[in-house]
Amino acid sequence: MKEHKIIDIHTHIFPEKIAEKAVESIGKYYNIPMYGAGTAADLLQSGKKIHVSKYVIHSTATKVEQVRSINDFIAGVAAGYSSIVGFGTLHPGLENVGLEVDRIISLGLKGIKLHPEFQEFNIDDEDMLPVYKAAEGKLPILMHMGDEVKTSSSPERLVKILGMFPDLTVIAAHFGGYQMWDQSMEHLVGKNVYFDTSSTLFRLDRRKAVEIIRKHGVNKILFGTDYPMWDHAGELERFNRLELTEEERELILWKNADRLLNIGL
């Protein structure tokens, strides 16, 4: 099998002093073992095993007062590593959200990460509309999608927002909805939205994964690992088991993300 360049669209890191606690908390929420330490150094060590070219890093503000400091932290890490690209975060309770979007852009960050469950909002809440309006036409939003016990991040909620904000670029993580892949097929496949592959391939039937990819459009699929939830070698191995053409693999592994974020690989 041909070796391709790789852009990992979906990774998480934290300041070293809180990384261990943050990773432990995520593992407890999802009740799964975690594979990484959640630091920039460990991320690079994990990705080095599969020769990742670029990592897109995220961290989510669970409180309004965390937004600026997290965006500053992500920007600082991205500035320190040529292989790292940063996404900022926002929060539904943030005042003057447009100003923070402009500041995120000025920091050199390439998008916004939102997590409905951790940030305690529904995707289609009225309080979220100013966030989408501020980002529309300016920055893509990578949205955590799907939950085993909640509907906060359901495909049904996201499709409403896509209709309201036609110029909003959204990356719907986990093939459009972790554990909600049938709903993703019904509501999101074929729509103007990107999917990433993270936290999906360990559970989703390989044939169904390929079906979703091709029905949705291979040009709208992005490779992601969800590090530190998973390690890079394991996620690439799962991806390579999919019966895709080499051209499809190349698009998913790096070309689509390169075009979307204007990375310039």
Foldseek 3Di string as FASTA:
>chain_A
DDQAAFEAAAEEADPPVCQQVVQVVVCVVVVADWAFSRHPVGQCVLCVVSNHQAYEYDDEDLDQVCQVVQLVVQLVVCVVDVRYAYAGEHALVHPPLLVVLVVSVVSVHAAYEDECVSNVAALQDPSCVVVQVSPFPPHAYEYEAADPPDCSRYLVRVLVVCVVRVRHEYEYECLNYDVRNVRCVVRPQQDRYAYENEPHLVPDDLVVVVVSCVRRDLLRYAYHHHPRRGGDVVSVVSVVPRPDDPVSVNNHRPVSVCVSRVSPD
